mmCIF file of all heavy atoms, coordinates in Angstrom:
data_MODEL
# 
_entry.id   MODEL 
# 
loop_
_atom_site.group_PDB 
_atom_site.id 
_atom_site.type_symbol 
_atom_site.label_atom_id 
_atom_site.label_alt_id 
_atom_site.label_comp_id 
_atom_site.label_asym_id 
_atom_site.label_entity_id 
_atom_site.label_seq_id 
_atom_site.pdbx_PDB_ins_code 
_atom_site.Cartn_x 
_atom_site.Cartn_y 
_atom_site.Cartn_z 
_atom_site.occupancy 
_atom_site.B_iso_or_equiv 
_atom_site.pdbx_formal_charge 
_atom_site.auth_seq_id 
_atom_site.auth_comp_id 
_atom_site.auth_asym_id 
_atom_site.auth_atom_id 
_atom_site.pdbx_PDB_model_num 
ATOM 1   N N   . SER A 1 1  ? 7.663   -5.050  -9.420  1.00 0.00 ? 1  SER A N   1 
ATOM 2   C CA  . SER A 1 1  ? 8.662   -6.089  -9.561  1.00 0.00 ? 1  SER A CA  1 
ATOM 3   C C   . SER A 1 1  ? 8.299   -7.405  -8.761  1.00 0.00 ? 1  SER A C   1 
ATOM 4   O O   . SER A 1 1  ? 8.492   -8.489  -9.233  1.00 0.00 ? 1  SER A O   1 
ATOM 5   C CB  . SER A 1 1  ? 10.033  -5.571  -9.135  1.00 0.00 ? 1  SER A CB  1 
ATOM 6   O OG  . SER A 1 1  ? 10.458  -4.511  -9.917  1.00 0.00 ? 1  SER A OG  1 
ATOM 7   N N   . PHE A 1 2  ? 7.747   -7.158  -7.603  1.00 0.00 ? 2  PHE A N   1 
ATOM 8   C CA  . PHE A 1 2  ? 7.550   -8.327  -6.654  1.00 0.00 ? 2  PHE A CA  1 
ATOM 9   C C   . PHE A 1 2  ? 6.097   -8.624  -6.369  1.00 0.00 ? 2  PHE A C   1 
ATOM 10  O O   . PHE A 1 2  ? 5.791   -9.793  -6.002  1.00 0.00 ? 2  PHE A O   1 
ATOM 11  C CB  . PHE A 1 2  ? 8.276   -8.018  -5.387  1.00 0.00 ? 2  PHE A CB  1 
ATOM 12  C CG  . PHE A 1 2  ? 9.773   -7.871  -5.523  1.00 0.00 ? 2  PHE A CG  1 
ATOM 13  C CD1 . PHE A 1 2  ? 10.367  -6.673  -5.499  1.00 0.00 ? 2  PHE A CD1 1 
ATOM 14  C CD2 . PHE A 1 2  ? 10.554  -9.017  -5.685  1.00 0.00 ? 2  PHE A CD2 1 
ATOM 15  C CE1 . PHE A 1 2  ? 11.719  -6.517  -5.636  1.00 0.00 ? 2  PHE A CE1 1 
ATOM 16  C CE2 . PHE A 1 2  ? 11.950  -8.867  -5.860  1.00 0.00 ? 2  PHE A CE2 1 
ATOM 17  C CZ  . PHE A 1 2  ? 12.553  -7.641  -5.809  1.00 0.00 ? 2  PHE A CZ  1 
ATOM 18  N N   . TYR A 1 3  ? 5.166   -7.710  -6.574  1.00 0.00 ? 3  TYR A N   1 
ATOM 19  C CA  . TYR A 1 3  ? 3.773   -7.954  -6.127  1.00 0.00 ? 3  TYR A CA  1 
ATOM 20  C C   . TYR A 1 3  ? 2.742   -7.752  -7.268  1.00 0.00 ? 3  TYR A C   1 
ATOM 21  O O   . TYR A 1 3  ? 1.562   -7.873  -6.918  1.00 0.00 ? 3  TYR A O   1 
ATOM 22  C CB  . TYR A 1 3  ? 3.482   -7.019  -4.921  1.00 0.00 ? 3  TYR A CB  1 
ATOM 23  C CG  . TYR A 1 3  ? 4.410   -7.188  -3.792  1.00 0.00 ? 3  TYR A CG  1 
ATOM 24  C CD1 . TYR A 1 3  ? 5.381   -6.168  -3.542  1.00 0.00 ? 3  TYR A CD1 1 
ATOM 25  C CD2 . TYR A 1 3  ? 4.413   -8.312  -2.984  1.00 0.00 ? 3  TYR A CD2 1 
ATOM 26  C CE1 . TYR A 1 3  ? 6.289   -6.308  -2.460  1.00 0.00 ? 3  TYR A CE1 1 
ATOM 27  C CE2 . TYR A 1 3  ? 5.289   -8.470  -1.920  1.00 0.00 ? 3  TYR A CE2 1 
ATOM 28  C CZ  . TYR A 1 3  ? 6.272   -7.454  -1.671  1.00 0.00 ? 3  TYR A CZ  1 
ATOM 29  O OH  . TYR A 1 3  ? 7.125   -7.578  -0.653  1.00 0.00 ? 3  TYR A OH  1 
ATOM 30  N N   . SER A 1 4  ? 3.168   -7.464  -8.461  1.00 0.00 ? 4  SER A N   1 
ATOM 31  C CA  . SER A 1 4  ? 2.224   -7.249  -9.465  1.00 0.00 ? 4  SER A CA  1 
ATOM 32  C C   . SER A 1 4  ? 1.387   -8.503  -9.825  1.00 0.00 ? 4  SER A C   1 
ATOM 33  O O   . SER A 1 4  ? 0.191   -8.399  -10.187 1.00 0.00 ? 4  SER A O   1 
ATOM 34  C CB  . SER A 1 4  ? 2.891   -6.700  -10.754 1.00 0.00 ? 4  SER A CB  1 
ATOM 35  O OG  . SER A 1 4  ? 3.932   -7.504  -11.206 1.00 0.00 ? 4  SER A OG  1 
ATOM 36  N N   . SER A 1 5  ? 2.041   -9.691  -9.725  1.00 0.00 ? 5  SER A N   1 
ATOM 37  C CA  . SER A 1 5  ? 1.281   -10.885 -10.010 1.00 0.00 ? 5  SER A CA  1 
ATOM 38  C C   . SER A 1 5  ? 0.129   -11.116 -9.006  1.00 0.00 ? 5  SER A C   1 
ATOM 39  O O   . SER A 1 5  ? -0.942  -11.471 -9.358  1.00 0.00 ? 5  SER A O   1 
ATOM 40  C CB  . SER A 1 5  ? 2.265   -12.138 -9.980  1.00 0.00 ? 5  SER A CB  1 
ATOM 41  O OG  . SER A 1 5  ? 3.186   -11.986 -11.043 1.00 0.00 ? 5  SER A OG  1 
ATOM 42  N N   . ASP A 1 6  ? 0.439   -10.829 -7.712  1.00 0.00 ? 6  ASP A N   1 
ATOM 43  C CA  . ASP A 1 6  ? -0.568  -10.962 -6.683  1.00 0.00 ? 6  ASP A CA  1 
ATOM 44  C C   . ASP A 1 6  ? -1.681  -10.002 -6.943  1.00 0.00 ? 6  ASP A C   1 
ATOM 45  O O   . ASP A 1 6  ? -2.868  -10.321 -6.726  1.00 0.00 ? 6  ASP A O   1 
ATOM 46  C CB  . ASP A 1 6  ? 0.059   -10.746 -5.295  1.00 0.00 ? 6  ASP A CB  1 
ATOM 47  C CG  . ASP A 1 6  ? 1.056   -11.841 -4.898  1.00 0.00 ? 6  ASP A CG  1 
ATOM 48  O OD1 . ASP A 1 6  ? 0.871   -12.954 -5.371  1.00 0.00 ? 6  ASP A OD1 1 
ATOM 49  O OD2 . ASP A 1 6  ? 1.956   -11.582 -4.179  1.00 0.00 ? 6  ASP A OD2 1 
ATOM 50  N N   . ALA A 1 7  ? -1.311  -8.779  -7.323  1.00 0.00 ? 7  ALA A N   1 
ATOM 51  C CA  . ALA A 1 7  ? -2.309  -7.742  -7.559  1.00 0.00 ? 7  ALA A CA  1 
ATOM 52  C C   . ALA A 1 7  ? -3.248  -8.115  -8.713  1.00 0.00 ? 7  ALA A C   1 
ATOM 53  O O   . ALA A 1 7  ? -4.479  -7.910  -8.682  1.00 0.00 ? 7  ALA A O   1 
ATOM 54  C CB  . ALA A 1 7  ? -1.585  -6.390  -7.878  1.00 0.00 ? 7  ALA A CB  1 
ATOM 55  N N   . LEU A 1 8  ? -2.656  -8.759  -9.788  1.00 0.00 ? 8  LEU A N   1 
ATOM 56  C CA  . LEU A 1 8  ? -3.524  -9.156  -10.914 1.00 0.00 ? 8  LEU A CA  1 
ATOM 57  C C   . LEU A 1 8  ? -4.451  -10.269 -10.492 1.00 0.00 ? 8  LEU A C   1 
ATOM 58  O O   . LEU A 1 8  ? -5.590  -10.297 -10.957 1.00 0.00 ? 8  LEU A O   1 
ATOM 59  C CB  . LEU A 1 8  ? -2.540  -9.689  -12.031 1.00 0.00 ? 8  LEU A CB  1 
ATOM 60  C CG  . LEU A 1 8  ? -1.779  -8.613  -12.773 1.00 0.00 ? 8  LEU A CG  1 
ATOM 61  C CD1 . LEU A 1 8  ? -0.708  -9.244  -13.696 1.00 0.00 ? 8  LEU A CD1 1 
ATOM 62  C CD2 . LEU A 1 8  ? -2.698  -7.760  -13.631 1.00 0.00 ? 8  LEU A CD2 1 
ATOM 63  N N   . LYS A 1 9  ? -4.023  -11.164 -9.654  1.00 0.00 ? 9  LYS A N   1 
ATOM 64  C CA  . LYS A 1 9  ? -4.914  -12.246 -9.165  1.00 0.00 ? 9  LYS A CA  1 
ATOM 65  C C   . LYS A 1 9  ? -6.051  -11.656 -8.304  1.00 0.00 ? 9  LYS A C   1 
ATOM 66  O O   . LYS A 1 9  ? -7.166  -12.120 -8.326  1.00 0.00 ? 9  LYS A O   1 
ATOM 67  C CB  . LYS A 1 9  ? -4.093  -13.280 -8.414  1.00 0.00 ? 9  LYS A CB  1 
ATOM 68  C CG  . LYS A 1 9  ? -3.182  -14.091 -9.308  1.00 0.00 ? 9  LYS A CG  1 
ATOM 69  C CD  . LYS A 1 9  ? -2.333  -15.095 -8.526  1.00 0.00 ? 9  LYS A CD  1 
ATOM 70  C CE  . LYS A 1 9  ? -1.430  -15.873 -9.502  1.00 0.00 ? 9  LYS A CE  1 
ATOM 71  N NZ  . LYS A 1 9  ? -0.553  -16.810 -8.783  1.00 0.00 ? 9  LYS A NZ  1 
ATOM 72  N N   . ILE A 1 10 ? -5.706  -10.649 -7.494  1.00 0.00 ? 10 ILE A N   1 
ATOM 73  C CA  . ILE A 1 10 ? -6.746  -9.955  -6.732  1.00 0.00 ? 10 ILE A CA  1 
ATOM 74  C C   . ILE A 1 10 ? -7.817  -9.328  -7.591  1.00 0.00 ? 10 ILE A C   1 
ATOM 75  O O   . ILE A 1 10 ? -9.039  -9.408  -7.383  1.00 0.00 ? 10 ILE A O   1 
ATOM 76  C CB  . ILE A 1 10 ? -6.114  -8.952  -5.783  1.00 0.00 ? 10 ILE A CB  1 
ATOM 77  C CG1 . ILE A 1 10 ? -5.298  -9.624  -4.695  1.00 0.00 ? 10 ILE A CG1 1 
ATOM 78  C CG2 . ILE A 1 10 ? -7.207  -8.071  -5.162  1.00 0.00 ? 10 ILE A CG2 1 
ATOM 79  C CD1 . ILE A 1 10 ? -4.461  -8.684  -3.826  1.00 0.00 ? 10 ILE A CD1 1 
ATOM 80  N N   . LEU A 1 11 ? -7.322  -8.706  -8.742  1.00 0.00 ? 11 LEU A N   1 
ATOM 81  C CA  . LEU A 1 11 ? -8.264  -8.119  -9.692  1.00 0.00 ? 11 LEU A CA  1 
ATOM 82  C C   . LEU A 1 11 ? -9.137  -9.191  -10.294 1.00 0.00 ? 11 LEU A C   1 
ATOM 83  O O   . LEU A 1 11 ? -10.369 -8.950  -10.539 1.00 0.00 ? 11 LEU A O   1 
ATOM 84  C CB  . LEU A 1 11 ? -7.447  -7.425  -10.808 1.00 0.00 ? 11 LEU A CB  1 
ATOM 85  C CG  . LEU A 1 11 ? -6.738  -6.096  -10.413 1.00 0.00 ? 11 LEU A CG  1 
ATOM 86  C CD1 . LEU A 1 11 ? -5.916  -5.604  -11.560 1.00 0.00 ? 11 LEU A CD1 1 
ATOM 87  C CD2 . LEU A 1 11 ? -7.829  -5.059  -10.027 1.00 0.00 ? 11 LEU A CD2 1 
ATOM 88  N N   . ASP A 1 12 ? -8.592  -10.397 -10.552 1.00 0.00 ? 12 ASP A N   1 
ATOM 89  C CA  . ASP A 1 12 ? -9.393  -11.451 -11.096 1.00 0.00 ? 12 ASP A CA  1 
ATOM 90  C C   . ASP A 1 12 ? -10.454 -11.878 -10.128 1.00 0.00 ? 12 ASP A C   1 
ATOM 91  O O   . ASP A 1 12 ? -11.648 -12.032 -10.468 1.00 0.00 ? 12 ASP A O   1 
ATOM 92  C CB  . ASP A 1 12 ? -8.466  -12.705 -11.381 1.00 0.00 ? 12 ASP A CB  1 
ATOM 93  C CG  . ASP A 1 12 ? -9.243  -13.867 -11.993 1.00 0.00 ? 12 ASP A CG  1 
ATOM 94  O OD1 . ASP A 1 12 ? -10.462 -13.724 -12.329 1.00 0.00 ? 12 ASP A OD1 1 
ATOM 95  O OD2 . ASP A 1 12 ? -8.705  -14.952 -12.053 1.00 0.00 ? 12 ASP A OD2 1 
ATOM 96  N N   . ASN A 1 13 ? -10.082 -12.034 -8.851  1.00 0.00 ? 13 ASN A N   1 
ATOM 97  C CA  . ASN A 1 13 ? -11.052 -12.460 -7.809  1.00 0.00 ? 13 ASN A CA  1 
ATOM 98  C C   . ASN A 1 13 ? -12.128 -11.344 -7.659  1.00 0.00 ? 13 ASN A C   1 
ATOM 99  O O   . ASN A 1 13 ? -13.290 -11.651 -7.363  1.00 0.00 ? 13 ASN A O   1 
ATOM 100 C CB  . ASN A 1 13 ? -10.369 -12.603 -6.448  1.00 0.00 ? 13 ASN A CB  1 
ATOM 101 C CG  . ASN A 1 13 ? -9.449  -13.849 -6.526  1.00 0.00 ? 13 ASN A CG  1 
ATOM 102 O OD1 . ASN A 1 13 ? -9.675  -14.784 -7.291  1.00 0.00 ? 13 ASN A OD1 1 
ATOM 103 N ND2 . ASN A 1 13 ? -8.364  -13.902 -5.746  1.00 0.00 ? 13 ASN A ND2 1 
ATOM 104 N N   . THR A 1 14 ? -11.743 -10.049 -7.780  1.00 0.00 ? 14 THR A N   1 
ATOM 105 C CA  . THR A 1 14 ? -12.680 -8.973  -7.611  1.00 0.00 ? 14 THR A CA  1 
ATOM 106 C C   . THR A 1 14 ? -13.650 -8.812  -8.755  1.00 0.00 ? 14 THR A C   1 
ATOM 107 O O   . THR A 1 14 ? -14.894 -8.670  -8.537  1.00 0.00 ? 14 THR A O   1 
ATOM 108 C CB  . THR A 1 14 ? -11.901 -7.670  -7.406  1.00 0.00 ? 14 THR A CB  1 
ATOM 109 O OG1 . THR A 1 14 ? -11.000 -7.754  -6.348  1.00 0.00 ? 14 THR A OG1 1 
ATOM 110 C CG2 . THR A 1 14 ? -12.868 -6.435  -7.124  1.00 0.00 ? 14 THR A CG2 1 
ATOM 111 N N   . PHE A 1 15 ? -13.159 -8.926  -9.994  1.00 0.00 ? 15 PHE A N   1 
ATOM 112 C CA  . PHE A 1 15 ? -13.985 -8.679  -11.173 1.00 0.00 ? 15 PHE A CA  1 
ATOM 113 C C   . PHE A 1 15 ? -14.306 -9.931  -11.957 1.00 0.00 ? 15 PHE A C   1 
ATOM 114 O O   . PHE A 1 15 ? -14.995 -9.808  -12.962 1.00 0.00 ? 15 PHE A O   1 
ATOM 115 C CB  . PHE A 1 15 ? -13.265 -7.671  -12.080 1.00 0.00 ? 15 PHE A CB  1 
ATOM 116 C CG  . PHE A 1 15 ? -13.044 -6.337  -11.469 1.00 0.00 ? 15 PHE A CG  1 
ATOM 117 C CD1 . PHE A 1 15 ? -11.779 -5.968  -10.978 1.00 0.00 ? 15 PHE A CD1 1 
ATOM 118 C CD2 . PHE A 1 15 ? -14.077 -5.415  -11.341 1.00 0.00 ? 15 PHE A CD2 1 
ATOM 119 C CE1 . PHE A 1 15 ? -11.537 -4.732  -10.406 1.00 0.00 ? 15 PHE A CE1 1 
ATOM 120 C CE2 . PHE A 1 15 ? -13.852 -4.184  -10.720 1.00 0.00 ? 15 PHE A CE2 1 
ATOM 121 C CZ  . PHE A 1 15 ? -12.606 -3.828  -10.284 1.00 0.00 ? 15 PHE A CZ  1 
ATOM 122 N N   . ASN A 1 16 ? -13.831 -11.044 -11.477 1.00 0.00 ? 16 ASN A N   1 
ATOM 123 C CA  . ASN A 1 16 ? -14.123 -12.320 -12.097 1.00 0.00 ? 16 ASN A CA  1 
ATOM 124 C C   . ASN A 1 16 ? -13.687 -12.280 -13.628 1.00 0.00 ? 16 ASN A C   1 
ATOM 125 O O   . ASN A 1 16 ? -14.449 -12.636 -14.532 1.00 0.00 ? 16 ASN A O   1 
ATOM 126 C CB  . ASN A 1 16 ? -15.585 -12.703 -12.038 1.00 0.00 ? 16 ASN A CB  1 
ATOM 127 C CG  . ASN A 1 16 ? -15.854 -14.162 -12.456 1.00 0.00 ? 16 ASN A CG  1 
ATOM 128 O OD1 . ASN A 1 16 ? -14.967 -15.000 -12.315 1.00 0.00 ? 16 ASN A OD1 1 
ATOM 129 N ND2 . ASN A 1 16 ? -17.061 -14.449 -12.933 1.00 0.00 ? 16 ASN A ND2 1 
ATOM 130 N N   . LEU A 1 17 ? -12.414 -11.879 -13.846 1.00 0.00 ? 17 LEU A N   1 
ATOM 131 C CA  . LEU A 1 17 ? -11.862 -11.879 -15.145 1.00 0.00 ? 17 LEU A CA  1 
ATOM 132 C C   . LEU A 1 17 ? -10.585 -12.772 -15.215 1.00 0.00 ? 17 LEU A C   1 
ATOM 133 O O   . LEU A 1 17 ? -9.516  -12.326 -14.786 1.00 0.00 ? 17 LEU A O   1 
ATOM 134 C CB  . LEU A 1 17 ? -11.456 -10.441 -15.547 1.00 0.00 ? 17 LEU A CB  1 
ATOM 135 C CG  . LEU A 1 17 ? -12.656 -9.452  -15.786 1.00 0.00 ? 17 LEU A CG  1 
ATOM 136 C CD1 . LEU A 1 17 ? -12.148 -8.042  -15.965 1.00 0.00 ? 17 LEU A CD1 1 
ATOM 137 C CD2 . LEU A 1 17 ? -13.459 -9.880  -16.997 1.00 0.00 ? 17 LEU A CD2 1 
ATOM 138 N N   . PRO A 1 18 ? -10.728 -13.992 -15.659 1.00 0.00 ? 18 PRO A N   1 
ATOM 139 C CA  . PRO A 1 18 ? -9.585  -14.945 -15.666 1.00 0.00 ? 18 PRO A CA  1 
ATOM 140 C C   . PRO A 1 18 ? -8.349  -14.480 -16.433 1.00 0.00 ? 18 PRO A C   1 
ATOM 141 O O   . PRO A 1 18 ? -7.246  -14.940 -16.164 1.00 0.00 ? 18 PRO A O   1 
ATOM 142 C CB  . PRO A 1 18 ? -10.212 -16.188 -16.345 1.00 0.00 ? 18 PRO A CB  1 
ATOM 143 C CG  . PRO A 1 18 ? -11.670 -16.055 -16.180 1.00 0.00 ? 18 PRO A CG  1 
ATOM 144 C CD  . PRO A 1 18 ? -11.942 -14.631 -16.193 1.00 0.00 ? 18 PRO A CD  1 
ATOM 145 N N   . LEU A 1 19 ? -8.558  -13.480 -17.320 1.00 0.00 ? 19 LEU A N   1 
ATOM 146 C CA  . LEU A 1 19 ? -7.402  -12.978 -18.075 1.00 0.00 ? 19 LEU A CA  1 
ATOM 147 C C   . LEU A 1 19 ? -6.352  -12.420 -17.133 1.00 0.00 ? 19 LEU A C   1 
ATOM 148 O O   . LEU A 1 19 ? -5.117  -12.470 -17.418 1.00 0.00 ? 19 LEU A O   1 
ATOM 149 C CB  . LEU A 1 19 ? -7.885  -11.906 -19.098 1.00 0.00 ? 19 LEU A CB  1 
ATOM 150 C CG  . LEU A 1 19 ? -6.774  -11.297 -19.963 1.00 0.00 ? 19 LEU A CG  1 
ATOM 151 C CD1 . LEU A 1 19 ? -6.157  -12.374 -20.832 1.00 0.00 ? 19 LEU A CD1 1 
ATOM 152 C CD2 . LEU A 1 19 ? -7.382  -10.227 -20.853 1.00 0.00 ? 19 LEU A CD2 1 
ATOM 153 N N   . PHE A 1 20 ? -6.774  -11.789 -16.046 1.00 0.00 ? 20 PHE A N   1 
ATOM 154 C CA  . PHE A 1 20 ? -5.823  -11.231 -15.062 1.00 0.00 ? 20 PHE A CA  1 
ATOM 155 C C   . PHE A 1 20 ? -4.943  -12.315 -14.492 1.00 0.00 ? 20 PHE A C   1 
ATOM 156 O O   . PHE A 1 20 ? -3.702  -12.137 -14.335 1.00 0.00 ? 20 PHE A O   1 
ATOM 157 C CB  . PHE A 1 20 ? -6.535  -10.533 -13.911 1.00 0.00 ? 20 PHE A CB  1 
ATOM 158 C CG  . PHE A 1 20 ? -7.088  -9.219  -14.378 1.00 0.00 ? 20 PHE A CG  1 
ATOM 159 C CD1 . PHE A 1 20 ? -8.505  -8.929  -14.243 1.00 0.00 ? 20 PHE A CD1 1 
ATOM 160 C CD2 . PHE A 1 20 ? -6.327  -8.211  -14.807 1.00 0.00 ? 20 PHE A CD2 1 
ATOM 161 C CE1 . PHE A 1 20 ? -9.019  -7.747  -14.580 1.00 0.00 ? 20 PHE A CE1 1 
ATOM 162 C CE2 . PHE A 1 20 ? -6.831  -6.974  -15.200 1.00 0.00 ? 20 PHE A CE2 1 
ATOM 163 C CZ  . PHE A 1 20 ? -8.162  -6.732  -15.063 1.00 0.00 ? 20 PHE A CZ  1 
ATOM 164 N N   . THR A 1 21 ? -5.528  -13.477 -14.150 1.00 0.00 ? 21 THR A N   1 
ATOM 165 C CA  . THR A 1 21 ? -4.672  -14.586 -13.615 1.00 0.00 ? 21 THR A CA  1 
ATOM 166 C C   . THR A 1 21 ? -3.812  -15.165 -14.676 1.00 0.00 ? 21 THR A C   1 
ATOM 167 O O   . THR A 1 21 ? -2.640  -15.513 -14.393 1.00 0.00 ? 21 THR A O   1 
ATOM 168 C CB  . THR A 1 21 ? -5.645  -15.721 -13.073 1.00 0.00 ? 21 THR A CB  1 
ATOM 169 O OG1 . THR A 1 21 ? -6.367  -15.147 -11.930 1.00 0.00 ? 21 THR A OG1 1 
ATOM 170 C CG2 . THR A 1 21 ? -4.833  -16.879 -12.592 1.00 0.00 ? 21 THR A CG2 1 
ATOM 171 N N   . ARG A 1 22 ? -4.284  -15.291 -15.895 1.00 0.00 ? 22 ARG A N   1 
ATOM 172 C CA  . ARG A 1 22 ? -3.440  -15.774 -17.015 1.00 0.00 ? 22 ARG A CA  1 
ATOM 173 C C   . ARG A 1 22 ? -2.241  -14.869 -17.217 1.00 0.00 ? 22 ARG A C   1 
ATOM 174 O O   . ARG A 1 22 ? -1.181  -15.335 -17.448 1.00 0.00 ? 22 ARG A O   1 
ATOM 175 C CB  . ARG A 1 22 ? -4.279  -15.907 -18.275 1.00 0.00 ? 22 ARG A CB  1 
ATOM 176 C CG  . ARG A 1 22 ? -5.296  -17.024 -18.317 1.00 0.00 ? 22 ARG A CG  1 
ATOM 177 C CD  . ARG A 1 22 ? -6.113  -17.040 -19.569 1.00 0.00 ? 22 ARG A CD  1 
ATOM 178 N NE  . ARG A 1 22 ? -5.221  -17.228 -20.768 1.00 0.00 ? 22 ARG A NE  1 
ATOM 179 C CZ  . ARG A 1 22 ? -5.629  -17.099 -22.002 1.00 0.00 ? 22 ARG A CZ  1 
ATOM 180 N NH1 . ARG A 1 22 ? -6.907  -16.685 -22.260 1.00 0.00 ? 22 ARG A NH1 1 
ATOM 181 N NH2 . ARG A 1 22 ? -4.833  -17.330 -23.006 1.00 0.00 ? 22 ARG A NH2 1 
ATOM 182 N N   . SER A 1 23 ? -2.478  -13.575 -17.070 1.00 0.00 ? 23 SER A N   1 
ATOM 183 C CA  . SER A 1 23 ? -1.416  -12.628 -17.194 1.00 0.00 ? 23 SER A CA  1 
ATOM 184 C C   . SER A 1 23 ? -0.436  -12.729 -16.039 1.00 0.00 ? 23 SER A C   1 
ATOM 185 O O   . SER A 1 23 ? 0.767   -12.656 -16.207 1.00 0.00 ? 23 SER A O   1 
ATOM 186 C CB  . SER A 1 23 ? -2.004  -11.195 -17.282 1.00 0.00 ? 23 SER A CB  1 
ATOM 187 O OG  . SER A 1 23 ? -0.944  -10.241 -17.371 1.00 0.00 ? 23 SER A OG  1 
ATOM 188 N N   . ALA A 1 24 ? -1.002  -12.967 -14.833 1.00 0.00 ? 24 ALA A N   1 
ATOM 189 C CA  . ALA A 1 24 ? -0.169  -13.093 -13.638 1.00 0.00 ? 24 ALA A CA  1 
ATOM 190 C C   . ALA A 1 24 ? 0.660   -14.313 -13.690 1.00 0.00 ? 24 ALA A C   1 
ATOM 191 O O   . ALA A 1 24 ? 1.848   -14.320 -13.124 1.00 0.00 ? 24 ALA A O   1 
ATOM 192 C CB  . ALA A 1 24 ? -1.025  -13.160 -12.406 1.00 0.00 ? 24 ALA A CB  1 
ATOM 193 N N   . ASP A 1 25 ? 0.245   -15.388 -14.298 1.00 0.00 ? 25 ASP A N   1 
ATOM 194 C CA  . ASP A 1 25 ? 1.008   -16.645 -14.312 1.00 0.00 ? 25 ASP A CA  1 
ATOM 195 C C   . ASP A 1 25 ? 2.225   -16.561 -15.198 1.00 0.00 ? 25 ASP A C   1 
ATOM 196 O O   . ASP A 1 25 ? 3.104   -17.397 -15.088 1.00 0.00 ? 25 ASP A O   1 
ATOM 197 C CB  . ASP A 1 25 ? 0.120   -17.773 -14.844 1.00 0.00 ? 25 ASP A CB  1 
ATOM 198 C CG  . ASP A 1 25 ? -0.928  -18.151 -13.773 1.00 0.00 ? 25 ASP A CG  1 
ATOM 199 O OD1 . ASP A 1 25 ? -0.761  -17.843 -12.602 1.00 0.00 ? 25 ASP A OD1 1 
ATOM 200 O OD2 . ASP A 1 25 ? -2.002  -18.718 -14.181 1.00 0.00 ? 25 ASP A OD2 1 
ATOM 201 N N   . TYR A 1 26 ? 2.278   -15.561 -16.117 1.00 0.00 ? 26 TYR A N   1 
ATOM 202 C CA  . TYR A 1 26 ? 3.477   -15.403 -16.919 1.00 0.00 ? 26 TYR A CA  1 
ATOM 203 C C   . TYR A 1 26 ? 3.758   -13.876 -16.982 1.00 0.00 ? 26 TYR A C   1 
ATOM 204 O O   . TYR A 1 26 ? 3.766   -13.272 -18.027 1.00 0.00 ? 26 TYR A O   1 
ATOM 205 C CB  . TYR A 1 26 ? 3.267   -15.981 -18.322 1.00 0.00 ? 26 TYR A CB  1 
ATOM 206 C CG  . TYR A 1 26 ? 4.510   -15.989 -19.168 1.00 0.00 ? 26 TYR A CG  1 
ATOM 207 C CD1 . TYR A 1 26 ? 5.667   -16.667 -18.789 1.00 0.00 ? 26 TYR A CD1 1 
ATOM 208 C CD2 . TYR A 1 26 ? 4.502   -15.333 -20.463 1.00 0.00 ? 26 TYR A CD2 1 
ATOM 209 C CE1 . TYR A 1 26 ? 6.791   -16.654 -19.584 1.00 0.00 ? 26 TYR A CE1 1 
ATOM 210 C CE2 . TYR A 1 26 ? 5.673   -15.398 -21.256 1.00 0.00 ? 26 TYR A CE2 1 
ATOM 211 C CZ  . TYR A 1 26 ? 6.726   -16.025 -20.805 1.00 0.00 ? 26 TYR A CZ  1 
ATOM 212 O OH  . TYR A 1 26 ? 7.888   -16.055 -21.584 1.00 0.00 ? 26 TYR A OH  1 
ATOM 213 N N   . ASN A 1 27 ? 3.974   -13.334 -15.796 1.00 0.00 ? 27 ASN A N   1 
ATOM 214 C CA  . ASN A 1 27 ? 4.034   -11.915 -15.671 1.00 0.00 ? 27 ASN A CA  1 
ATOM 215 C C   . ASN A 1 27 ? 5.476   -11.374 -15.783 1.00 0.00 ? 27 ASN A C   1 
ATOM 216 O O   . ASN A 1 27 ? 6.185   -11.271 -14.749 1.00 0.00 ? 27 ASN A O   1 
ATOM 217 C CB  . ASN A 1 27 ? 3.407   -11.478 -14.290 1.00 0.00 ? 27 ASN A CB  1 
ATOM 218 C CG  . ASN A 1 27 ? 3.578   -9.986  -14.048 1.00 0.00 ? 27 ASN A CG  1 
ATOM 219 O OD1 . ASN A 1 27 ? 3.652   -9.241  -14.941 1.00 0.00 ? 27 ASN A OD1 1 
ATOM 220 N ND2 . ASN A 1 27 ? 3.597   -9.652  -12.789 1.00 0.00 ? 27 ASN A ND2 1 
ATOM 221 N N   . TYR A 1 28 ? 5.901   -11.080 -17.025 1.00 0.00 ? 28 TYR A N   1 
ATOM 222 C CA  . TYR A 1 28 ? 7.209   -10.520 -17.155 1.00 0.00 ? 28 TYR A CA  1 
ATOM 223 C C   . TYR A 1 28 ? 7.089   -9.047  -17.581 1.00 0.00 ? 28 TYR A C   1 
ATOM 224 O O   . TYR A 1 28 ? 8.041   -8.244  -17.365 1.00 0.00 ? 28 TYR A O   1 
ATOM 225 C CB  . TYR A 1 28 ? 7.999   -11.278 -18.217 1.00 0.00 ? 28 TYR A CB  1 
ATOM 226 C CG  . TYR A 1 28 ? 7.455   -11.143 -19.629 1.00 0.00 ? 28 TYR A CG  1 
ATOM 227 C CD1 . TYR A 1 28 ? 7.921   -10.162 -20.495 1.00 0.00 ? 28 TYR A CD1 1 
ATOM 228 C CD2 . TYR A 1 28 ? 6.458   -11.982 -20.136 1.00 0.00 ? 28 TYR A CD2 1 
ATOM 229 C CE1 . TYR A 1 28 ? 7.424   -10.034 -21.808 1.00 0.00 ? 28 TYR A CE1 1 
ATOM 230 C CE2 . TYR A 1 28 ? 5.938   -11.916 -21.338 1.00 0.00 ? 28 TYR A CE2 1 
ATOM 231 C CZ  . TYR A 1 28 ? 6.454   -10.909 -22.219 1.00 0.00 ? 28 TYR A CZ  1 
ATOM 232 O OH  . TYR A 1 28 ? 5.900   -10.776 -23.483 1.00 0.00 ? 28 TYR A OH  1 
# 
């Protein structure tokens, strides 16, 4: 509920997959 967006951005930084950040920016 509160930290999944941050976790997705960490995954992007770790694996260099921008899709994670795009998902985090509209994470419902």
